[in-house]
C-alpha atoms as a PDB file:
ATOM      1  CA  UNK A   1     116.229  55.195 116.101  1.00  0.00           C
ATOM      2  CA  UNK A   2     119.192  57.421 117.283  1.00  0.00           C
ATOM      3  CA  UNK A   3     119.975  59.201 114.267  1.00  0.00           C
ATOM      4  CA  UNK A   4     116.319  60.692 113.420  1.00  0.00           C
ATOM      5  CA  UNK A   5     116.256  61.986 116.887  1.00  0.00           C
ATOM      6  CA  UNK A   6     119.651  64.130 116.773  1.00  0.00           C
ATOM      7  CA  UNK A   7     118.429  65.664 113.468  1.00  0.00           C
ATOM      8  CA  UNK A   8     115.706  67.015 115.201  1.00  0.00           C
ATOM      9  CA  UNK A   9     117.322  68.569 117.738  1.00  0.00           C
ATOM     10  CA  UNK A  10     119.727  70.199 115.265  1.00  0.00           C
ATOM     11  CA  UNK A  11     117.359  71.764 112.520  1.00  0.00           C
ATOM     12  CA  UNK A  12     115.984  74.197 114.871  1.00  0.00           C
ATOM     13  CA  UNK A  13     119.139  75.296 116.317  1.00  0.00           C
ATOM     14  CA  UNK A  14     120.077  76.297 112.788  1.00  0.00           C
ATOM     15  CA  UNK A  15     117.021  77.530 112.136  1.00  0.00           C
ATOM     16  CA  UNK A  16     117.343  79.901 114.953  1.00  0.00           C
ATOM     17  CA  UNK A  17     120.660  80.725 113.999  1.00  0.00           C
ATOM     18  CA  UNK A  18     120.229  81.938 110.538  1.00  0.00           C
ATOM     19  CA  UNK A  19     116.948  83.903 111.917  1.00  0.00           C
ATOM     20  CA  UNK A  20     119.234  85.713 114.569  1.00  0.00           C
ATOM     21  CA  UNK A  21     121.543  86.665 111.515  1.00  0.00           C
ATOM     22  CA  UNK A  22     118.699  87.842 109.389  1.00  0.00           C
ATOM     23  CA  UNK A  23     117.690  90.294 112.388  1.00  0.00           C
ATOM     24  CA  UNK A  24     121.332  92.321 112.329  1.00  0.00           C
ATOM     25  CA  UNK A  25     120.692  96.102 111.335  1.00  0.00           C
ATOM     26  CA  UNK A  26     122.779  99.142 112.650  1.00  0.00           C
ATOM     27  CA  UNK A  27     121.611 102.824 112.334  1.00  0.00           C
ATOM     28  CA  UNK A  28     123.321 106.317 111.104  1.00  0.00           C
ATOM     29  CA  UNK A  29     122.164 109.775 111.641  1.00  0.00           C
ATOM     30  CA  UNK A  30     123.649 112.790 110.310  1.00  0.00           C
ATOM     31  CA  UNK A  31     122.561 116.213 110.074  1.00  0.00           C
ATOM     32  CA  UNK A  32     124.604 118.285 107.202  1.00  0.00           C
ATOM     33  CA  UNK A  33     123.931 122.233 105.739  1.00  0.00           C
ATOM     34  CA  UNK A  34     121.916 122.721 102.653  1.00  0.00           C
ATOM     35  CA  UNK A  35     120.752 125.936 101.375  1.00  0.00           C
ATOM     36  CA  UNK A  36     117.158 126.663 100.868  1.00  0.00           C
ATOM     37  CA  UNK A  37     117.801 126.924  96.951  1.00  0.00           C
ATOM     38  CA  UNK A  38     120.396 123.838  96.923  1.00  0.00           C
ATOM     39  CA  UNK A  39     120.056 120.352  95.573  1.00  0.00           C
ATOM     40  CA  UNK A  40     119.989 116.992  96.956  1.00  0.00           C
ATOM     41  CA  UNK A  41     120.656 113.810  95.541  1.00  0.00           C
ATOM     42  CA  UNK A  42     119.733 110.250  96.709  1.00  0.00           C
ATOM     43  CA  UNK A  43     121.610 106.869  95.317  1.00  0.00           C
ATOM     44  CA  UNK A  44     120.268 103.776  96.834  1.00  0.00           C
ATOM     45  CA  UNK A  45     119.669 100.548  95.300  1.00  0.00           C
ATOM     46  CA  UNK A  46     116.894  98.793  97.917  1.00  0.00           C
ATOM     47  CA  UNK A  47     114.839  99.648 100.804  1.00  0.00           C
ATOM     48  CA  UNK A  48     112.847 102.798 101.187  1.00  0.00           C
ATOM     49  CA  UNK A  49     113.110 106.555 101.514  1.00  0.00           C
ATOM     50  CA  UNK A  50     111.123 108.271 103.138  1.00  0.00           C
ATOM     51  CA  UNK A  51     111.360 112.289 102.262  1.00  0.00           C
ATOM     52  CA  UNK A  52     109.663 115.176 104.313  1.00  0.00           C
ATOM     53  CA  UNK A  53     110.490 118.797 104.391  1.00  0.00           C
ATOM     54  CA  UNK A  54     111.159 121.584 106.386  1.00  0.00           C
ATOM     55  CA  UNK A  55     111.865 125.540 106.234  1.00  0.00           C
ATOM     56  CA  UNK A  56     115.367 125.023 107.873  1.00  0.00           C
ATOM     57  CA  UNK A  57     118.944 125.234 105.591  1.00  0.00           C
ATOM     58  CA  UNK A  58     119.516 121.291 106.330  1.00  0.00           C
ATOM     59  CA  UNK A  59     119.141 118.066 106.110  1.00  0.00           C
ATOM     60  CA  UNK A  60     118.923 115.473 108.594  1.00  0.00           C
ATOM     61  CA  UNK A  61     119.390 111.699 107.459  1.00  0.00           C
ATOM     62  CA  UNK A  62     118.687 108.706 109.382  1.00  0.00           C
ATOM     63  CA  UNK A  63     119.642 105.687 107.996  1.00  0.00           C
ATOM     64  CA  UNK A  64     118.689 101.747 109.164  1.00  0.00           C
ATOM     65  CA  UNK A  65     120.732  99.030 107.233  1.00  0.00           C
ATOM     66  CA  UNK A  66     118.761  95.888 107.542  1.00  0.00           C
ATOM     67  CA  UNK A  67     119.879  92.432 106.362  1.00  0.00           C
ATOM     68  CA  UNK A  68     118.079  90.631 103.624  1.00  0.00           C
ATOM     69  CA  UNK A  69     115.820  87.750 105.328  1.00  0.00           C
ATOM     70  CA  UNK A  70     117.215  84.872 103.316  1.00  0.00           C
ATOM     71  CA  UNK A  71     121.197  86.089 103.502  1.00  0.00           C
ATOM     72  CA  UNK A  72     123.074  83.871 105.667  1.00  0.00           C
ATOM     73  CA  UNK A  73     126.379  86.608 106.372  1.00  0.00           C
ATOM     74  CA  UNK A  74     123.677  89.240 106.961  1.00  0.00           C
ATOM     75  CA  UNK A  75     125.786  90.872 109.818  1.00  0.00           C
ATOM     76  CA  UNK A  76     128.891  90.798 107.808  1.00  0.00           C
ATOM     77  CA  UNK A  77     127.198  92.263 105.215  1.00  0.00           C
ATOM     78  CA  UNK A  78     125.540  95.417 107.090  1.00  0.00           C
ATOM     79  CA  UNK A  79     128.453  96.283 108.475  1.00  0.00           C
ATOM     80  CA  UNK A  80     130.199  96.658 104.974  1.00  0.00           C
ATOM     81  CA  UNK A  81     127.761  98.685 103.880  1.00  0.00           C
ATOM     82  CA  UNK A  82     128.716 102.045 103.990  1.00  0.00           C
ATOM     83  CA  UNK A  83     126.143 105.780 103.840  1.00  0.00           C
ATOM     84  CA  UNK A  84     128.007 108.072 101.982  1.00  0.00           C
ATOM     85  CA  UNK A  85     126.902 112.063 102.746  1.00  0.00           C
ATOM     86  CA  UNK A  86     129.176 114.979 101.012  1.00  0.00           C
ATOM     87  CA  UNK A  87     129.184 117.777  99.702  1.00  0.00           C
ATOM     88  CA  UNK A  88     128.806 121.401 100.038  1.00  0.00           C
ATOM     89  CA  UNK A  89     125.802 123.974 101.873  1.00  0.00           C
ATOM     90  CA  UNK A  90     124.512 123.976  98.456  1.00  0.00           C
ATOM     91  CA  UNK A  91     124.525 120.474  97.060  1.00  0.00           C
ATOM     92  CA  UNK A  92     124.469 117.064  99.276  1.00  0.00           C
ATOM     93  CA  UNK A  93     124.387 113.968  98.029  1.00  0.00           C
ATOM     94  CA  UNK A  94     123.918 110.693  99.990  1.00  0.00           C
ATOM     95  CA  UNK A  95     124.932 107.546  98.692  1.00  0.00           C
ATOM     96  CA  UNK A  96     124.164 103.447  99.366  1.00  0.00           C
ATOM     97  CA  UNK A  97     127.763 101.842  98.915  1.00  0.00           C
ATOM     98  CA  UNK A  98     128.191  97.938  98.542  1.00  0.00           C
ATOM     99  CA  UNK A  99     131.873  98.518  97.177  1.00  0.00           C
ATOM    100  CA  UNK A 100     132.935  96.708 100.553  1.00  0.00           C
ATOM    101  CA  UNK A 101     130.699  94.310 100.230  1.00  0.00           C
ATOM    102  CA  UNK A 102     131.528  93.211  96.962  1.00  0.00           C
ATOM    103  CA  UNK A 103     134.996  93.160  97.363  1.00  0.00           C
ATOM    104  CA  UNK A 104     134.641  90.569 100.298  1.00  0.00           C
ATOM    105  CA  UNK A 105     132.364  88.299  98.302  1.00  0.00           C
ATOM    106  CA  UNK A 106     135.117  87.876  95.384  1.00  0.00           C
ATOM    107  CA  UNK A 107     137.536  87.033  98.653  1.00  0.00           C
ATOM    108  CA  UNK A 108     134.928  84.559  99.638  1.00  0.00           C
ATOM    109  CA  UNK A 109     133.875  83.287  96.469  1.00  0.00           C
ATOM    110  CA  UNK A 110     136.236  84.403  93.331  1.00  0.00           C
ATOM    111  CA  UNK A 111     135.123  81.584  91.897  1.00  0.00           C
ATOM    112  CA  UNK A 112     131.909  83.228  91.141  1.00  0.00           C
ATOM    113  CA  UNK A 113     133.310  86.159  89.967  1.00  0.00           C
ATOM    114  CA  UNK A 114     132.317  88.318  92.729  1.00  0.00           C
ATOM    115  CA  UNK A 115     128.809  86.910  93.572  1.00  0.00           C
ATOM    116  CA  UNK A 116     127.608  88.942  96.246  1.00  0.00           C
ATOM    117  CA  UNK A 117     124.506  87.002  97.336  1.00  0.00           C
ATOM    118  CA  UNK A 118     121.926  89.419  98.432  1.00  0.00           C
ATOM    119  CA  UNK A 119     122.801  92.792  99.783  1.00  0.00           C
ATOM    120  CA  UNK A 120     121.309  94.732 102.432  1.00  0.00           C
ATOM    121  CA  UNK A 121     117.913  97.117 102.372  1.00  0.00           C
ATOM    122  CA  UNK A 122     118.479 100.314 103.624  1.00  0.00           C
ATOM    123  CA  UNK A 123     115.723 102.494 104.929  1.00  0.00           C
ATOM    124  CA  UNK A 124     116.298 105.962 104.537  1.00  0.00           C
ATOM    125  CA  UNK A 125     114.236 109.143 106.772  1.00  0.00           C
ATOM    126  CA  UNK A 126     115.319 112.223 105.332  1.00  0.00           C
ATOM    127  CA  UNK A 127     114.018 115.570 106.028  1.00  0.00           C
ATOM    128  CA  UNK A 128     115.418 118.819 103.474  1.00  0.00           C
ATOM    129  CA  UNK A 129     114.398 122.254 102.741  1.00  0.00           C
ATOM    130  CA  UNK A 130     111.200 122.592 100.522  1.00  0.00           C
ATOM    131  CA  UNK A 131     112.402 124.701  98.545  1.00  0.00           C
ATOM    132  CA  UNK A 132     115.410 122.955  97.518  1.00  0.00           C
ATOM    133  CA  UNK A 133     115.555 120.774  94.170  1.00  0.00           C
ATOM    134  CA  UNK A 134     115.874 116.274  94.842  1.00  0.00           C
ATOM    135  CA  UNK A 135     117.010 113.837  92.356  1.00  0.00           C
ATOM    136  CA  UNK A 136     116.691 110.213  93.544  1.00  0.00           C
ATOM    137  CA  UNK A 137     118.140 107.426  91.504  1.00  0.00           C
ATOM    138  CA  UNK A 138     117.380 104.013  92.671  1.00  0.00           C
ATOM    139  CA  UNK A 139     116.440 100.223  91.480  1.00  0.00           C
ATOM    140  CA  UNK A 140     113.574  98.909  93.816  1.00  0.00           C
ATOM    141  CA  UNK A 141     113.209 101.094  96.512  1.00  0.00           C
ATOM    142  CA  UNK A 142     109.886 102.485  97.924  1.00  0.00           C
ATOM    143  CA  UNK A 143     110.128 105.841  97.558  1.00  0.00           C
ATOM    144  CA  UNK A 144     107.874 108.531  99.302  1.00  0.00           C
ATOM    145  CA  UNK A 145     108.231 111.919  99.210  1.00  0.00           C
ATOM    146  CA  UNK A 146     105.822 114.733 101.018  1.00  0.00           C
ATOM    147  CA  UNK A 147     105.293 118.836 100.555  1.00  0.00           C
ATOM    148  CA  UNK A 148     108.261 119.612  98.127  1.00  0.00           C
ATOM    149  CA  UNK A 149     107.972 123.112  96.993  1.00  0.00           C
ATOM    150  CA  UNK A 150     110.752 122.423  93.818  1.00  0.00           C
ATOM    151  CA  UNK A 151     111.281 120.131  91.169  1.00  0.00           C
ATOM    152  CA  UNK A 152     111.627 116.453  91.421  1.00  0.00           C
ATOM    153  CA  UNK A 153     113.982 113.909  89.537  1.00  0.00           C
ATOM    154  CA  UNK A 154     112.665 110.459  90.465  1.00  0.00           C
ATOM    155  CA  UNK A 155     114.193 107.263  88.821  1.00  0.00           C
ATOM    156  CA  UNK A 156     113.630 104.061  89.654  1.00  0.00           C
ATOM    157  CA  UNK A 157     113.595 100.476  87.882  1.00  0.00           C
ATOM    158  CA  UNK A 158     111.000  98.513  89.965  1.00  0.00           C
ATOM    159  CA  UNK A 159     110.303 100.669  92.788  1.00  0.00           C
ATOM    160  CA  UNK A 160     107.013 102.308  94.086  1.00  0.00           C
ATOM    161  CA  UNK A 161     107.030 106.083  94.025  1.00  0.00           C
ATOM    162  CA  UNK A 162     104.369 108.131  96.181  1.00  0.00           C
ATOM    163  CA  UNK A 163     104.543 111.853  95.961  1.00  0.00           C
ATOM    164  CA  UNK A 164     102.324 114.049  97.873  1.00  0.00           C
ATOM    165  CA  UNK A 165     101.609 117.729  97.556  1.00  0.00           C
ATOM    166  CA  UNK A 166     103.989 118.827  94.881  1.00  0.00           C
ATOM    167  CA  UNK A 167     104.118 122.578  94.044  1.00  0.00           C
ATOM    168  CA  UNK A 168     106.712 122.159  91.405  1.00  0.00           C
ATOM    169  CA  UNK A 169     107.155 119.964  88.275  1.00  0.00           C
ATOM    170  CA  UNK A 170     108.671 116.013  87.819  1.00  0.00           C
ATOM    171  CA  UNK A 171     110.595 114.371  85.679  1.00  0.00           C
ATOM    172  CA  UNK A 172     109.906 110.825  86.260  1.00  0.00           C
ATOM    173  CA  UNK A 173     111.374 107.507  84.571  1.00  0.00           C
ATOM    174  CA  UNK A 174     110.320 103.938  85.640  1.00  0.00           C
ATOM    175  CA  UNK A 175     110.732 100.862  84.116  1.00  0.00           C
ATOM    176  CA  UNK A 176     107.995  98.745  85.755  1.00  0.00           C
ATOM    177  CA  UNK A 177     107.137 100.708  88.902  1.00  0.00           C
ATOM    178  CA  UNK A 178     104.025 102.038  90.347  1.00  0.00           C
ATOM    179  CA  UNK A 179     103.938 105.823  90.663  1.00  0.00           C
ATOM    180  CA  UNK A 180     101.463 107.966  92.136  1.00  0.00           C
ATOM    181  CA  UNK A 181     102.231 112.136  91.770  1.00  0.00           C
ATOM    182  CA  UNK A 182      99.871 114.385  93.312  1.00  0.00           C
ATOM    183  CA  UNK A 183     100.162 117.980  92.487  1.00  0.00           C
ATOM    184  CA  UNK A 184      98.967 121.172  94.320  1.00  0.00           C
ATOM    185  CA  UNK A 185     100.642 123.391  91.926  1.00  0.00           C
ATOM    186  CA  UNK A 186     101.804 121.969  88.533  1.00  0.00           C
ATOM    187  CA  UNK A 187     104.694 122.777  86.564  1.00  0.00           C
ATOM    188  CA  UNK A 188     106.522 121.534  83.229  1.00  0.00           C
ATOM    189  CA  UNK A 189     106.638 117.376  83.956  1.00  0.00           C
ATOM    190  CA  UNK A 190     107.703 114.787  81.909  1.00  0.00           C
ATOM    191  CA  UNK A 191     106.639 111.081  82.559  1.00  0.00           C
ATOM    192  CA  UNK A 192     108.171 107.600  80.789  1.00  0.00           C
ATOM    193  CA  UNK A 193     107.523 103.979  81.831  1.00  0.00           C
ATOM    194  CA  UNK A 194     108.225 100.658  79.889  1.00  0.00           C
ATOM    195  CA  UNK A 195     105.596  98.998  81.330  1.00  0.00           C
ATOM    196  CA  UNK A 196     104.971 100.644  84.382  1.00  0.00           C
ATOM    197  CA  UNK A 197     101.928 102.179  86.375  1.00  0.00           C
ATOM    198  CA  UNK A 198     101.538 105.993  86.420  1.00  0.00           C
ATOM    199  CA  UNK A 199      98.921 107.594  88.064  1.00  0.00           C
ATOM    200  CA  UNK A 200      98.974 111.677  87.847  1.00  0.00           C
ATOM    201  CA  UNK A 201      96.238 113.643  90.255  1.00  0.00           C
ATOM    202  CA  UNK A 202      96.112 117.294  88.985  1.00  0.00           C
ATOM    203  CA  UNK A 203      94.038 120.103  91.346  1.00  0.00           C
ATOM    204  CA  UNK A 204      90.360 119.939  89.956  1.00  0.00           C
ATOM    205  CA  UNK A 205      90.157 123.536  87.646  1.00  0.00           C
ATOM    206  CA  UNK A 206      93.843 124.333  86.938  1.00  0.00           C
ATOM    207  CA  UNK A 207      94.716 124.731  83.476  1.00  0.00           C
ATOM    208  CA  UNK A 208      97.514 122.479  81.798  1.00  0.00           C
ATOM    209  CA  UNK A 209      98.376 120.513  78.599  1.00  0.00           C
ATOM    210  CA  UNK A 210      99.336 117.085  77.429  1.00  0.00           C
ATOM    211  CA  UNK A 211     101.662 115.771  75.266  1.00  0.00           C
ATOM    212  CA  UNK A 212     101.817 112.051  74.909  1.00  0.00           C
ATOM    213  CA  UNK A 213     103.680 109.594  72.745  1.00  0.00           C
ATOM    214  CA  UNK A 214     102.042 106.317  73.438  1.00  0.00           C
ATOM    215  CA  UNK A 215     102.643 102.767  72.079  1.00  0.00           C
ATOM    216  CA  UNK A 216      99.656 100.856  70.863  1.00  0.00           C
ATOM    217  CA  UNK A 217      99.830  98.746  73.954  1.00  0.00           C
ATOM    218  CA  UNK A 218      99.372 101.834  76.223  1.00  0.00           C
ATOM    219  CA  UNK A 219      95.915 102.578  78.452  1.00  0.00           C
ATOM    220  CA  UNK A 220      95.485 105.935  79.229  1.00  0.00           C
ATOM    221  CA  UNK A 221      92.328 106.698  81.122  1.00  0.00           C
ATOM    222  CA  UNK A 222      91.801 110.868  82.026  1.00  0.00           C
ATOM    223  CA  UNK A 223      89.151 112.489  83.931  1.00  0.00           C
ATOM    224  CA  UNK A 224      89.493 115.388  81.579  1.00  0.00           C
ATOM    225  CA  UNK A 225      88.526 115.565  78.096  1.00  0.00           C
ATOM    226  CA  UNK A 226      91.537 115.448  75.710  1.00  0.00           C
ATOM    227  CA  UNK A 227      90.630 118.004  72.996  1.00  0.00           C
ATOM    228  CA  UNK A 228      92.623 117.234  70.399  1.00  0.00           C
ATOM    229  CA  UNK A 229      94.233 113.853  69.013  1.00  0.00           C
ATOM    230  CA  UNK A 230      96.847 114.075  66.826  1.00  0.00           C
ATOM    231  CA  UNK A 231      96.629 111.230  63.781  1.00  0.00           C
ATOM    232  CA  UNK A 232      98.732 107.935  64.602  1.00  0.00           C
ATOM    233  CA  UNK A 233     102.594 108.535  63.694  1.00  0.00           C
ATOM    234  CA  UNK A 234     103.153 104.981  62.947  1.00  0.00           C
ATOM    235  CA  UNK A 235     101.104 101.606  63.247  1.00  0.00           C
ATOM    236  CA  UNK A 236     103.112 101.151  66.811  1.00  0.00           C
ATOM    237  CA  UNK A 237     102.635 104.623  68.363  1.00  0.00           C
ATOM    238  CA  UNK A 238     100.340 107.569  68.033  1.00  0.00           C
ATOM    239  CA  UNK A 239     100.579 111.172  69.818  1.00  0.00           C
ATOM    240  CA  UNK A 240      97.906 112.735  71.931  1.00  0.00           C
ATOM    241  CA  UNK A 241      98.208 116.507  72.502  1.00  0.00           C
ATOM    242  CA  UNK A 242      95.597 118.499  74.529  1.00  0.00           C
ATOM    243  CA  UNK A 243      94.907 121.626  76.155  1.00  0.00           C
ATOM    244  CA  UNK A 244      92.671 121.425  79.712  1.00  0.00           C
ATOM    245  CA  UNK A 245      90.656 124.393  80.864  1.00  0.00           C
ATOM    246  CA  UNK A 246      92.691 127.027  78.482  1.00  0.00           C
ATOM    247  CA  UNK A 247      96.120 125.253  78.539  1.00  0.00           C
ATOM    248  CA  UNK A 248      99.214 125.777  81.348  1.00  0.00           C
ATOM    249  CA  UNK A 249     102.114 123.647  82.031  1.00  0.00           C
ATOM    250  CA  UNK A 250     102.802 120.668  79.911  1.00  0.00           C
ATOM    251  CA  UNK A 251     102.941 117.100  81.319  1.00  0.00           C
ATOM    252  CA  UNK A 252     104.731 114.755  78.736  1.00  0.00           C
ATOM    253  CA  UNK A 253     104.112 111.524  78.708  1.00  0.00           C
ATOM    254  CA  UNK A 254     105.901 108.345  77.010  1.00  0.00           C
ATOM    255  CA  UNK A 255     105.278 105.088  76.939  1.00  0.00           C
ATOM    256  CA  UNK A 256     105.491 101.891  74.513  1.00  0.00           C
ATOM    257  CA  UNK A 257     103.772  99.595  76.856  1.00  0.00           C
ATOM    258  CA  UNK A 258     102.179 100.763  80.068  1.00  0.00           C
ATOM    259  CA  UNK A 259      99.135 102.820  81.982  1.00  0.00           C
ATOM    260  CA  UNK A 260      98.857 106.387  82.600  1.00  0.00           C
ATOM    261  CA  UNK A 261      95.724 107.934  84.900  1.00  0.00           C
ATOM    262  CA  UNK A 262      94.958 111.862  84.818  1.00  0.00           C
ATOM    263  CA  UNK A 263      93.068 112.213  87.449  1.00  0.00           C
ATOM    264  CA  UNK A 264      91.584 115.088  89.023  1.00  0.00           C
ATOM    265  CA  UNK A 265      91.490 116.340  92.877  1.00  0.00           C
END
């Protein structure tokens, strides 16, 4: 009878200890100069990026590093995760750097060939000049961009993307992410996915053109009538070309398998 009682007393202690480790985090805040026509580059892996704009010639960066809920050495990995911020007034680069995490993991688990387990999340809140250009490279974060008045280059493997009130063009590439782009003033844009979902919202009445290379397993839904449609290029691929409201900036779309929506707002 004694053994079961001991086990019941030990288990809650272990669970509480793991929970406490999972709550570990630290925060970093920094403001750096960036010209109004400069360029911001964000390179991250998992977590989130919430980006807003203003008319100041600077970038304000707030990063919160949080342990993964399932990570036993979460507090240690949070401490070893670095946020690298460098550049000049014309170009700023922000990077999530797990190099120390990987080096320490090789030290502890060399026989696993550098297995790092679950890496920490990094949640960014960034404010940048509205007229500066933006590039984000990501693996599986939630990306939100509001009120940008310049070009955005966005790459995510399987993250989510939400862009609101974009006055400019976008180059978007995702493998199987879910992306929504709302234009208030459309410029030349390129959208590519393998089996993700991309929805594009264009102001009602705006003139634009469509150039789409689509695989046989792609779904294309449109609020706009695609005036012309080319013949099938092969049994696995066909190209759509169309002009809406007299034409204008071209929206290029490419996918082998996925979903595109062209919506008016």
